Amino acid sequence: MPRDINKRLEQLQSRRRGLDRLGRIETAAQDLLKRDSILKESWQKRAAGQPYTRYALGAMQSVERRYTEIGIETATRVGNQLAAGLAAAGMPVDFRLQGSVPLDVHIRGVSDVDLLTLDQGFLTYAQAGRKALIGGNYWPTTKTSLGVLAGIRRESESILKAKFPAATVDCSGGKAIAISGGSLARPGVYELAVLNEAQRFLDWCYANPDQAKTLMTPDGSRPIINSDEKRAAVLLLSSELDDLAREVAKEQSVALRTGSPTWGQINETLQKSYIPAATL
């Protein structure tokens, strides 16, 4: 971690308030974020004189609930426009929100919201199934999955460009359409123990590469650490957390501020440190 912790704190505040992505949202929402940025979040009022501890608390805290609500409301509005337009084109669809925003684990005030489009008019069946063999229950279609997806994609591009003329609709992606700007807006007691556990786990991942490679993504589709580049990234993250954990422990224990504290001392300090809640 860079030694300029004050710069890190400024970057953390900017990311959590959405100030680093103002160009993606409408002017009215930009004004709202700028106004809110003057107000301090609860983590900024804690651990006075302990910038490393304050950074750790801020990095672990959920972004303000209103930012999450704005992201979900925006995605819902886009979905409603798509649903109406696609239905008019004979393509009944449904939508699912996915990603970090609906799970409330996003780290940015202005964060991408993934809207999954599901076709409801294209069904498949097992042609060797009992009802299919009897006859008269199911009939094959000339449609294909790829063709249906391509049709939804074409119509969605046209609908989004027409319904959100002031927004930027990026259709260059192979898997998704990106839309931004225009009219689109967007505590726990021993909290430092979370930092301690995160540091310990990343150390374990780097020290046990064969076992770490077996860790899977939440949907079970692929290993998380599946390349040399990702293993190198684990080392980088591990080193960053090592440094942060050490500096936070020093802030929490006078006895650790001189000399080189052992990891046993650091772990114990982080596990037992209590940071009072912010006062109004």
C-alpha atoms as a PDB file:
ATOM      1  CA  MET A   1       0.000   0.000   0.000  1.00  0.00           C
ATOM      2  CA  PRO A   2       1.350   3.453  -0.857  1.00  0.00           C
ATOM      3  CA  ARG A   3       2.574   5.314   2.206  1.00  0.00           C
ATOM      4  CA  ASP A   4       0.438   8.342   1.273  1.00  0.00           C
ATOM      5  CA  ILE A   5      -2.559   7.134   3.226  1.00  0.00           C
ATOM      6  CA  ASN A   6      -4.283  10.515   2.965  1.00  0.00           C
ATOM      7  CA  LYS A   7      -4.388  10.174  -0.829  1.00  0.00           C
ATOM      8  CA  ARG A   8      -5.858   6.706  -0.417  1.00  0.00           C
ATOM      9  CA  LEU A   9      -8.547   8.127   1.860  1.00  0.00           C
ATOM     10  CA  GLU A  10      -9.443  10.771  -0.736  1.00  0.00           C
ATOM     11  CA  GLN A  11      -9.695   8.106  -3.462  1.00  0.00           C
ATOM     12  CA  LEU A  12     -11.861   5.932  -1.212  1.00  0.00           C
ATOM     13  CA  GLN A  13     -14.280   8.784  -0.552  1.00  0.00           C
ATOM     14  CA  SER A  14     -14.435   9.666  -4.260  1.00  0.00           C
ATOM     15  CA  ARG A  15     -15.181   6.057  -5.245  1.00  0.00           C
ATOM     16  CA  ARG A  16     -17.824   5.525  -2.552  1.00  0.00           C
ATOM     17  CA  ARG A  17     -19.574   8.798  -3.403  1.00  0.00           C
ATOM     18  CA  GLY A  18     -19.516   8.146  -7.144  1.00  0.00           C
ATOM     19  CA  LEU A  19     -17.401  11.219  -7.872  1.00  0.00           C
ATOM     20  CA  ASP A  20     -15.016   9.146  -9.995  1.00  0.00           C
ATOM     21  CA  ARG A  21     -17.819   8.319 -12.460  1.00  0.00           C
ATOM     22  CA  LEU A  22     -19.797  11.539 -12.735  1.00  0.00           C
ATOM     23  CA  GLY A  23     -19.674  11.425 -16.539  1.00  0.00           C
ATOM     24  CA  ARG A  24     -21.876   8.312 -16.564  1.00  0.00           C
ATOM     25  CA  ILE A  25     -24.935   9.936 -15.041  1.00  0.00           C
ATOM     26  CA  GLU A  26     -27.303  12.811 -15.750  1.00  0.00           C
ATOM     27  CA  THR A  27     -26.607  16.395 -14.692  1.00  0.00           C
ATOM     28  CA  ALA A  28     -29.236  16.389 -11.919  1.00  0.00           C
ATOM     29  CA  ALA A  29     -27.722  13.273 -10.389  1.00  0.00           C
ATOM     30  CA  GLN A  30     -24.243  14.788 -10.664  1.00  0.00           C
ATOM     31  CA  ASP A  31     -25.420  17.757  -8.614  1.00  0.00           C
ATOM     32  CA  LEU A  32     -26.877  15.373  -6.014  1.00  0.00           C
ATOM     33  CA  LEU A  33     -23.620  13.458  -5.675  1.00  0.00           C
ATOM     34  CA  LYS A  34     -21.563  16.632  -5.436  1.00  0.00           C
ATOM     35  CA  ARG A  35     -23.843  17.928  -2.696  1.00  0.00           C
ATOM     36  CA  ASP A  36     -23.722  14.646  -0.791  1.00  0.00           C
ATOM     37  CA  SER A  37     -19.927  14.515  -1.057  1.00  0.00           C
ATOM     38  CA  ILE A  38     -19.709  17.466   1.345  1.00  0.00           C
ATOM     39  CA  LEU A  39     -21.312  15.354   4.074  1.00  0.00           C
ATOM     40  CA  LYS A  40     -19.149  12.865   5.903  1.00  0.00           C
ATOM     41  CA  GLU A  41     -20.022   9.177   6.113  1.00  0.00           C
ATOM     42  CA  SER A  42     -19.958   7.518   9.521  1.00  0.00           C
ATOM     43  CA  TRP A  43     -16.576   5.835   8.912  1.00  0.00           C
ATOM     44  CA  GLN A  44     -14.974   9.232   8.276  1.00  0.00           C
ATOM     45  CA  LYS A  45     -15.914  10.357  11.797  1.00  0.00           C
ATOM     46  CA  ARG A  46     -14.302   7.382  13.507  1.00  0.00           C
ATOM     47  CA  ALA A  47     -10.745   6.531  14.584  1.00  0.00           C
ATOM     48  CA  ALA A  48      -9.636  10.149  14.810  1.00  0.00           C
ATOM     49  CA  GLY A  49      -5.905  10.472  14.235  1.00  0.00           C
ATOM     50  CA  GLN A  50      -5.716   6.906  12.915  1.00  0.00           C
ATOM     51  CA  PRO A  51      -5.884   7.188   9.097  1.00  0.00           C
ATOM     52  CA  TYR A  52      -4.984   3.547   8.354  1.00  0.00           C
ATOM     53  CA  THR A  53      -7.730   2.312  10.674  1.00  0.00           C
ATOM     54  CA  ARG A  54     -10.199   4.759   9.138  1.00  0.00           C
ATOM     55  CA  TYR A  55      -9.276   3.523   5.647  1.00  0.00           C
ATOM     56  CA  ALA A  56      -9.858  -0.102   6.681  1.00  0.00           C
ATOM     57  CA  LEU A  57     -13.260   0.747   8.180  1.00  0.00           C
ATOM     58  CA  GLY A  58     -14.325   2.712   5.096  1.00  0.00           C
ATOM     59  CA  ALA A  59     -13.213   0.002   2.687  1.00  0.00           C
ATOM     60  CA  MET A  60     -15.338  -2.599   4.513  1.00  0.00           C
ATOM     61  CA  GLN A  61     -18.483  -0.503   4.972  1.00  0.00           C
ATOM     62  CA  SER A  62     -21.383  -0.742   2.549  1.00  0.00           C
ATOM     63  CA  VAL A  63     -21.938   2.328   0.394  1.00  0.00           C
ATOM     64  CA  GLU A  64     -24.845   4.522   1.382  1.00  0.00           C
ATOM     65  CA  ARG A  65     -28.156   2.712   0.889  1.00  0.00           C
ATOM     66  CA  ARG A  66     -29.539   5.460  -1.342  1.00  0.00           C
ATOM     67  CA  TYR A  67     -26.829   4.791  -3.953  1.00  0.00           C
ATOM     68  CA  THR A  68     -27.829   1.130  -4.064  1.00  0.00           C
ATOM     69  CA  GLU A  69     -31.494   2.079  -4.384  1.00  0.00           C
ATOM     70  CA  ILE A  70     -30.738   4.491  -7.236  1.00  0.00           C
ATOM     71  CA  GLY A  71     -28.868   1.771  -9.131  1.00  0.00           C
ATOM     72  CA  ILE A  72     -31.740  -0.705  -8.787  1.00  0.00           C
ATOM     73  CA  GLU A  73     -34.360   1.922  -9.678  1.00  0.00           C
ATOM     74  CA  THR A  74     -32.410   2.872 -12.791  1.00  0.00           C
ATOM     75  CA  ALA A  75     -32.038  -0.735 -13.948  1.00  0.00           C
ATOM     76  CA  THR A  76     -35.748  -1.317 -13.336  1.00  0.00           C
ATOM     77  CA  ARG A  77     -36.657   1.718 -15.439  1.00  0.00           C
ATOM     78  CA  VAL A  78     -34.477   0.491 -18.302  1.00  0.00           C
ATOM     79  CA  GLY A  79     -36.053  -2.954 -17.992  1.00  0.00           C
ATOM     80  CA  ASN A  80     -39.572  -1.528 -18.182  1.00  0.00           C
ATOM     81  CA  GLN A  81     -38.749   0.316 -21.405  1.00  0.00           C
ATOM     82  CA  LEU A  82     -37.211  -2.809 -22.908  1.00  0.00           C
ATOM     83  CA  ALA A  83     -40.114  -5.013 -21.847  1.00  0.00           C
ATOM     84  CA  ALA A  84     -42.660  -2.748 -23.512  1.00  0.00           C
ATOM     85  CA  GLY A  85     -40.644  -2.364 -26.683  1.00  0.00           C
ATOM     86  CA  LEU A  86     -39.795  -6.050 -27.041  1.00  0.00           C
ATOM     87  CA  ALA A  87     -43.396  -7.118 -26.321  1.00  0.00           C
ATOM     88  CA  ALA A  88     -44.559  -4.811 -29.117  1.00  0.00           C
ATOM     89  CA  ALA A  89     -42.119  -6.605 -31.401  1.00  0.00           C
ATOM     90  CA  GLY A  90     -43.567 -10.004 -30.416  1.00  0.00           C
ATOM     91  CA  MET A  91     -40.747 -10.860 -28.002  1.00  0.00           C
ATOM     92  CA  PRO A  92     -42.091 -11.421 -24.466  1.00  0.00           C
ATOM     93  CA  VAL A  93     -39.215 -11.189 -21.986  1.00  0.00           C
ATOM     94  CA  ASP A  94     -38.496 -11.148 -18.277  1.00  0.00           C
ATOM     95  CA  PHE A  95     -35.562  -9.625 -16.411  1.00  0.00           C
ATOM     96  CA  ARG A  96     -33.279 -10.487 -13.515  1.00  0.00           C
ATOM     97  CA  LEU A  97     -30.910  -8.167 -11.688  1.00  0.00           C
ATOM     98  CA  GLN A  98     -27.510  -9.684 -11.037  1.00  0.00           C
ATOM     99  CA  GLY A  99     -24.061  -8.602  -9.943  1.00  0.00           C
ATOM    100  CA  SER A 100     -22.784  -6.631  -6.954  1.00  0.00           C
ATOM    101  CA  VAL A 101     -25.512  -3.956  -6.700  1.00  0.00           C
ATOM    102  CA  PRO A 102     -28.565  -6.156  -5.922  1.00  0.00           C
ATOM    103  CA  LEU A 103     -26.331  -8.107  -3.511  1.00  0.00           C
ATOM    104  CA  ASP A 104     -25.252  -4.817  -1.887  1.00  0.00           C
ATOM    105  CA  VAL A 105     -21.568  -5.700  -2.105  1.00  0.00           C
ATOM    106  CA  HIS A 106     -20.555  -3.004  -4.587  1.00  0.00           C
ATOM    107  CA  ILE A 107     -17.724  -0.636  -3.653  1.00  0.00           C
ATOM    108  CA  ARG A 108     -18.665   2.378  -5.780  1.00  0.00           C
ATOM    109  CA  GLY A 109     -21.372   4.986  -5.368  1.00  0.00           C
ATOM    110  CA  VAL A 110     -21.937   4.856  -9.135  1.00  0.00           C
ATOM    111  CA  SER A 111     -21.694   1.168  -9.978  1.00  0.00           C
ATOM    112  CA  ASP A 112     -22.717  -0.890 -13.000  1.00  0.00           C
ATOM    113  CA  VAL A 113     -25.994  -2.805 -12.655  1.00  0.00           C
ATOM    114  CA  ASP A 114     -26.354  -6.003 -14.694  1.00  0.00           C
ATOM    115  CA  LEU A 115     -29.819  -6.567 -16.190  1.00  0.00           C
ATOM    116  CA  LEU A 116     -30.237 -10.096 -17.533  1.00  0.00           C
ATOM    117  CA  THR A 117     -32.850 -10.464 -20.306  1.00  0.00           C
ATOM    118  CA  LEU A 118     -34.739 -13.771 -20.471  1.00  0.00           C
ATOM    119  CA  ASP A 119     -36.877 -14.766 -23.456  1.00  0.00           C
ATOM    120  CA  GLN A 120     -40.234 -16.234 -22.369  1.00  0.00           C
ATOM    121  CA  GLY A 121     -41.528 -17.290 -25.757  1.00  0.00           C
ATOM    122  CA  PHE A 122     -38.875 -19.848 -26.704  1.00  0.00           C
ATOM    123  CA  LEU A 123     -39.105 -23.204 -24.939  1.00  0.00           C
ATOM    124  CA  THR A 124     -37.282 -26.459 -25.579  1.00  0.00           C
ATOM    125  CA  TYR A 125     -38.297 -30.029 -24.873  1.00  0.00           C
ATOM    126  CA  ALA A 126     -36.773 -33.494 -24.955  1.00  0.00           C
ATOM    127  CA  GLN A 127     -37.797 -34.969 -28.293  1.00  0.00           C
ATOM    128  CA  ALA A 128     -37.249 -38.453 -26.882  1.00  0.00           C
ATOM    129  CA  GLY A 129     -39.524 -37.769 -23.899  1.00  0.00           C
ATOM    130  CA  ARG A 130     -42.731 -39.753 -23.305  1.00  0.00           C
ATOM    131  CA  LYS A 131     -45.159 -36.943 -24.151  1.00  0.00           C
ATOM    132  CA  ALA A 132     -43.140 -35.967 -27.200  1.00  0.00           C
ATOM    133  CA  LEU A 133     -43.230 -39.536 -28.530  1.00  0.00           C
ATOM    134  CA  ILE A 134     -46.992 -39.864 -28.011  1.00  0.00           C
ATOM    135  CA  GLY A 135     -47.521 -37.001 -30.379  1.00  0.00           C
ATOM    136  CA  GLY A 136     -49.806 -34.020 -30.302  1.00  0.00           C
ATOM    137  CA  ASN A 137     -48.310 -32.509 -27.164  1.00  0.00           C
ATOM    138  CA  TYR A 138     -45.297 -30.655 -28.500  1.00  0.00           C
ATOM    139  CA  TRP A 139     -44.280 -29.365 -31.900  1.00  0.00           C
ATOM    140  CA  PRO A 140     -40.724 -28.511 -32.953  1.00  0.00           C
ATOM    141  CA  THR A 141     -39.868 -24.975 -33.987  1.00  0.00           C
ATOM    142  CA  THR A 142     -37.602 -23.673 -36.668  1.00  0.00           C
ATOM    143  CA  LYS A 143     -36.163 -21.127 -34.215  1.00  0.00           C
ATOM    144  CA  THR A 144     -32.722 -21.568 -32.679  1.00  0.00           C
ATOM    145  CA  SER A 145     -31.330 -20.251 -29.389  1.00  0.00           C
ATOM    146  CA  LEU A 146     -28.733 -18.204 -31.236  1.00  0.00           C
ATOM    147  CA  GLY A 147     -31.328 -16.735 -33.555  1.00  0.00           C
ATOM    148  CA  VAL A 148     -33.628 -15.756 -30.689  1.00  0.00           C
ATOM    149  CA  LEU A 149     -30.788 -14.113 -28.768  1.00  0.00           C
ATOM    150  CA  ALA A 150     -29.639 -12.241 -31.857  1.00  0.00           C
ATOM    151  CA  GLY A 151     -33.177 -10.955 -32.451  1.00  0.00           C
ATOM    152  CA  ILE A 152     -33.548  -9.735 -28.857  1.00  0.00           C
ATOM    153  CA  ARG A 153     -30.153  -8.070 -29.097  1.00  0.00           C
ATOM    154  CA  ARG A 154     -31.044  -6.192 -32.302  1.00  0.00           C
ATOM    155  CA  GLU A 155     -34.379  -5.009 -30.954  1.00  0.00           C
ATOM    156  CA  SER A 156     -32.859  -4.033 -27.596  1.00  0.00           C
ATOM    157  CA  GLU A 157     -30.240  -1.872 -29.285  1.00  0.00           C
ATOM    158  CA  SER A 158     -32.923  -0.024 -31.247  1.00  0.00           C
ATOM    159  CA  ILE A 159     -35.214   0.394 -28.228  1.00  0.00           C
ATOM    160  CA  LEU A 160     -32.510   1.719 -25.907  1.00  0.00           C
ATOM    161  CA  LYS A 161     -31.263   4.218 -28.480  1.00  0.00           C
ATOM    162  CA  ALA A 162     -34.812   5.459 -29.078  1.00  0.00           C
ATOM    163  CA  LYS A 163     -35.961   5.570 -25.432  1.00  0.00           C
ATOM    164  CA  PHE A 164     -32.770   7.077 -24.000  1.00  0.00           C
ATOM    165  CA  PRO A 165     -31.602   9.487 -26.700  1.00  0.00           C
ATOM    166  CA  ALA A 166     -29.470  11.555 -24.313  1.00  0.00           C
ATOM    167  CA  ALA A 167     -27.641   8.503 -22.963  1.00  0.00           C
ATOM    168  CA  THR A 168     -24.596   6.758 -24.400  1.00  0.00           C
ATOM    169  CA  VAL A 169     -25.623   3.332 -25.703  1.00  0.00           C
ATOM    170  CA  ASP A 170     -22.526   1.225 -26.377  1.00  0.00           C
ATOM    171  CA  CYS A 171     -23.371  -1.790 -28.551  1.00  0.00           C
ATOM    172  CA  SER A 172     -19.769  -2.873 -29.156  1.00  0.00           C
ATOM    173  CA  GLY A 173     -19.737  -5.534 -26.441  1.00  0.00           C
ATOM    174  CA  GLY A 174     -20.289  -9.119 -27.477  1.00  0.00           C
ATOM    175  CA  LYS A 175     -22.194 -10.124 -24.338  1.00  0.00           C
ATOM    176  CA  ALA A 176     -23.953  -6.980 -23.209  1.00  0.00           C
ATOM    177  CA  ILE A 177     -25.163  -3.520 -24.174  1.00  0.00           C
ATOM    178  CA  ALA A 178     -23.726  -0.774 -21.965  1.00  0.00           C
ATOM    179  CA  ILE A 179     -25.822   2.319 -21.312  1.00  0.00           C
ATOM    180  CA  SER A 180     -24.711   5.329 -19.283  1.00  0.00           C
ATOM    181  CA  GLY A 181     -25.209   9.059 -18.861  1.00  0.00           C
ATOM    182  CA  GLY A 182     -28.231  10.966 -20.074  1.00  0.00           C
ATOM    183  CA  SER A 183     -31.167  10.511 -17.721  1.00  0.00           C
ATOM    184  CA  LEU A 184     -29.614   7.569 -15.875  1.00  0.00           C
ATOM    185  CA  ALA A 185     -28.614   8.065 -12.298  1.00  0.00           C
ATOM    186  CA  ARG A 186     -27.092   5.884 -10.281  1.00  0.00           C
ATOM    187  CA  PRO A 187     -21.400  -1.700  11.194  1.00  0.00           C
ATOM    188  CA  GLY A 188     -20.477  -4.682  13.033  1.00  0.00           C
ATOM    189  CA  VAL A 189     -18.447  -4.744  16.955  1.00  0.00           C
ATOM    190  CA  TYR A 190     -14.849  -6.006  16.167  1.00  0.00           C
ATOM    191  CA  GLU A 191     -14.709  -4.857  12.571  1.00  0.00           C
ATOM    192  CA  LEU A 192     -10.931  -5.018  12.297  1.00  0.00           C
ATOM    193  CA  ALA A 193     -11.133  -8.782  12.719  1.00  0.00           C
ATOM    194  CA  VAL A 194     -12.490  -8.816   9.136  1.00  0.00           C
ATOM    195  CA  LEU A 195      -9.263  -7.169   7.961  1.00  0.00           C
ATOM    196  CA  ASN A 196      -7.294  -9.742   9.921  1.00  0.00           C
ATOM    197  CA  GLU A 197      -9.168 -12.649   8.326  1.00  0.00           C
ATOM    198  CA  ALA A 198      -8.901 -11.216   4.810  1.00  0.00           C
ATOM    199  CA  GLN A 199      -5.142 -10.794   5.242  1.00  0.00           C
ATOM    200  CA  ARG A 200      -4.799 -14.322   6.598  1.00  0.00           C
ATOM    201  CA  PHE A 201      -6.842 -15.860   3.790  1.00  0.00           C
ATOM    202  CA  LEU A 202      -4.877 -14.164   1.005  1.00  0.00           C
ATOM    203  CA  ASP A 203      -1.639 -15.272   2.630  1.00  0.00           C
ATOM    204  CA  TRP A 204      -3.010 -18.818   2.663  1.00  0.00           C
ATOM    205  CA  CYS A 205      -3.972 -18.598  -1.026  1.00  0.00           C
ATOM    206  CA  TYR A 206      -0.482 -17.582  -2.051  1.00  0.00           C
ATOM    207  CA  ALA A 207       1.259 -20.105   0.218  1.00  0.00           C
ATOM    208  CA  ASN A 208      -0.999 -22.969  -0.962  1.00  0.00           C
ATOM    209  CA  PRO A 209      -1.332 -22.481  -4.735  1.00  0.00           C
ATOM    210  CA  ASP A 210      -2.582 -25.999  -5.523  1.00  0.00           C
ATOM    211  CA  GLN A 211      -5.420 -25.753  -3.010  1.00  0.00           C
ATOM    212  CA  ALA A 212      -6.188 -22.157  -3.979  1.00  0.00           C
ATOM    213  CA  LYS A 213      -6.658 -23.252  -7.582  1.00  0.00           C
ATOM    214  CA  THR A 214      -9.594 -25.418  -6.479  1.00  0.00           C
ATOM    215  CA  LEU A 215     -11.580 -22.393  -5.235  1.00  0.00           C
ATOM    216  CA  MET A 216     -14.588 -21.850  -7.504  1.00  0.00           C
ATOM    217  CA  THR A 217     -16.690 -18.834  -8.459  1.00  0.00           C
ATOM    218  CA  PRO A 218     -20.049 -18.548  -6.602  1.00  0.00           C
ATOM    219  CA  ASP A 219     -21.946 -20.126  -9.518  1.00  0.00           C
ATOM    220  CA  GLY A 220     -19.467 -23.016  -9.688  1.00  0.00           C
ATOM    221  CA  SER A 221     -18.709 -22.399 -13.357  1.00  0.00           C
ATOM    222  CA  ARG A 222     -14.921 -21.971 -13.172  1.00  0.00           C
ATOM    223  CA  PRO A 223     -11.945 -21.726 -10.804  1.00  0.00           C
ATOM    224  CA  ILE A 224     -11.274 -18.241  -9.431  1.00  0.00           C
ATOM    225  CA  ILE A 225      -7.482 -18.412  -9.680  1.00  0.00           C
ATOM    226  CA  ASN A 226      -7.127 -19.990 -13.111  1.00  0.00           C
ATOM    227  CA  SER A 227      -4.063 -18.232 -14.534  1.00  0.00           C
ATOM    228  CA  ASP A 228      -0.554 -17.090 -13.626  1.00  0.00           C
ATOM    229  CA  GLU A 229      -1.731 -13.485 -13.886  1.00  0.00           C
ATOM    230  CA  LYS A 230      -4.403 -14.045 -11.249  1.00  0.00           C
ATOM    231  CA  ARG A 231      -1.940 -15.764  -8.930  1.00  0.00           C
ATOM    232  CA  ALA A 232       0.354 -12.760  -9.301  1.00  0.00           C
ATOM    233  CA  ALA A 233      -2.608 -10.531  -8.443  1.00  0.00           C
ATOM    234  CA  VAL A 234      -3.176 -12.574  -5.274  1.00  0.00           C
ATOM    235  CA  LEU A 235       0.416 -11.821  -4.247  1.00  0.00           C
ATOM    236  CA  LEU A 236      -0.128  -8.100  -4.892  1.00  0.00           C
ATOM    237  CA  LEU A 237      -3.345  -8.028  -2.864  1.00  0.00           C
ATOM    238  CA  SER A 238      -1.716 -10.068  -0.105  1.00  0.00           C
ATOM    239  CA  SER A 239       1.199  -7.634   0.130  1.00  0.00           C
ATOM    240  CA  GLU A 240      -1.193  -4.656   0.219  1.00  0.00           C
ATOM    241  CA  LEU A 241      -3.220  -6.182   3.044  1.00  0.00           C
ATOM    242  CA  ASP A 242      -0.070  -7.158   4.938  1.00  0.00           C
ATOM    243  CA  ASP A 243       1.002  -3.525   4.958  1.00  0.00           C
ATOM    244  CA  LEU A 244      -2.463  -2.219   5.858  1.00  0.00           C
ATOM    245  CA  ALA A 245      -2.907  -4.738   8.680  1.00  0.00           C
ATOM    246  CA  ARG A 246       0.500  -3.851  10.120  1.00  0.00           C
ATOM    247  CA  GLU A 247      -0.155  -0.101  10.064  1.00  0.00           C
ATOM    248  CA  VAL A 248      -3.669  -0.453  11.523  1.00  0.00           C
ATOM    249  CA  ALA A 249      -2.342  -2.644  14.341  1.00  0.00           C
ATOM    250  CA  LYS A 250       0.278  -0.006  15.158  1.00  0.00           C
ATOM    251  CA  GLU A 251      -2.437   2.628  15.398  1.00  0.00           C
ATOM    252  CA  GLN A 252      -4.440   0.442  17.771  1.00  0.00           C
ATOM    253  CA  SER A 253      -1.589  -0.589  20.068  1.00  0.00           C
ATOM    254  CA  VAL A 254       1.014   1.763  21.522  1.00  0.00           C
ATOM    255  CA  ALA A 255       3.222  -1.223  22.267  1.00  0.00           C
ATOM    256  CA  LEU A 256       3.502  -2.086  18.553  1.00  0.00           C
ATOM    257  CA  ARG A 257       4.599   1.350  17.379  1.00  0.00           C
ATOM    258  CA  THR A 258       8.261   0.714  18.026  1.00  0.00           C
ATOM    259  CA  GLY A 259      10.231  -2.117  16.476  1.00  0.00           C
ATOM    260  CA  SER A 260       8.794  -4.765  14.170  1.00  0.00           C
ATOM    261  CA  PRO A 261       5.635  -6.394  15.550  1.00  0.00           C
ATOM    262  CA  THR A 262       5.185 -10.115  14.965  1.00  0.00           C
ATOM    263  CA  TRP A 263       2.196 -11.432  13.072  1.00  0.00           C
ATOM    264  CA  GLY A 264       0.975 -12.989  16.283  1.00  0.00           C
ATOM    265  CA  GLN A 265       0.901  -9.542  17.889  1.00  0.00           C
ATOM    266  CA  ILE A 266      -0.732  -7.995  14.825  1.00  0.00           C
ATOM    267  CA  ASN A 267      -3.420 -10.690  14.645  1.00  0.00           C
ATOM    268  CA  GLU A 268      -4.251 -10.427  18.332  1.00  0.00           C
ATOM    269  CA  THR A 269      -4.505  -6.643  18.153  1.00  0.00           C
ATOM    270  CA  LEU A 270      -6.825  -6.690  15.144  1.00  0.00           C
ATOM    271  CA  GLN A 271      -9.006  -9.399  16.671  1.00  0.00           C
ATOM    272  CA  LYS A 272      -9.514  -7.497  19.920  1.00  0.00           C
ATOM    273  CA  SER A 273      -9.578  -3.837  18.855  1.00  0.00           C
ATOM    274  CA  TYR A 274     -12.885  -2.011  19.229  1.00  0.00           C
ATOM    275  CA  ILE A 275     -13.578   1.210  17.317  1.00  0.00           C
ATOM    276  CA  PRO A 276     -16.328   3.367  18.856  1.00  0.00           C
ATOM    277  CA  ALA A 277     -19.238   4.328  16.636  1.00  0.00           C
ATOM    278  CA  ALA A 278     -19.346   7.804  15.134  1.00  0.00           C
ATOM    279  CA  THR A 279     -20.956  10.525  17.196  1.00  0.00           C
ATOM    280  CA  LEU A 280     -23.406  12.961  15.622  1.00  0.00           C
END
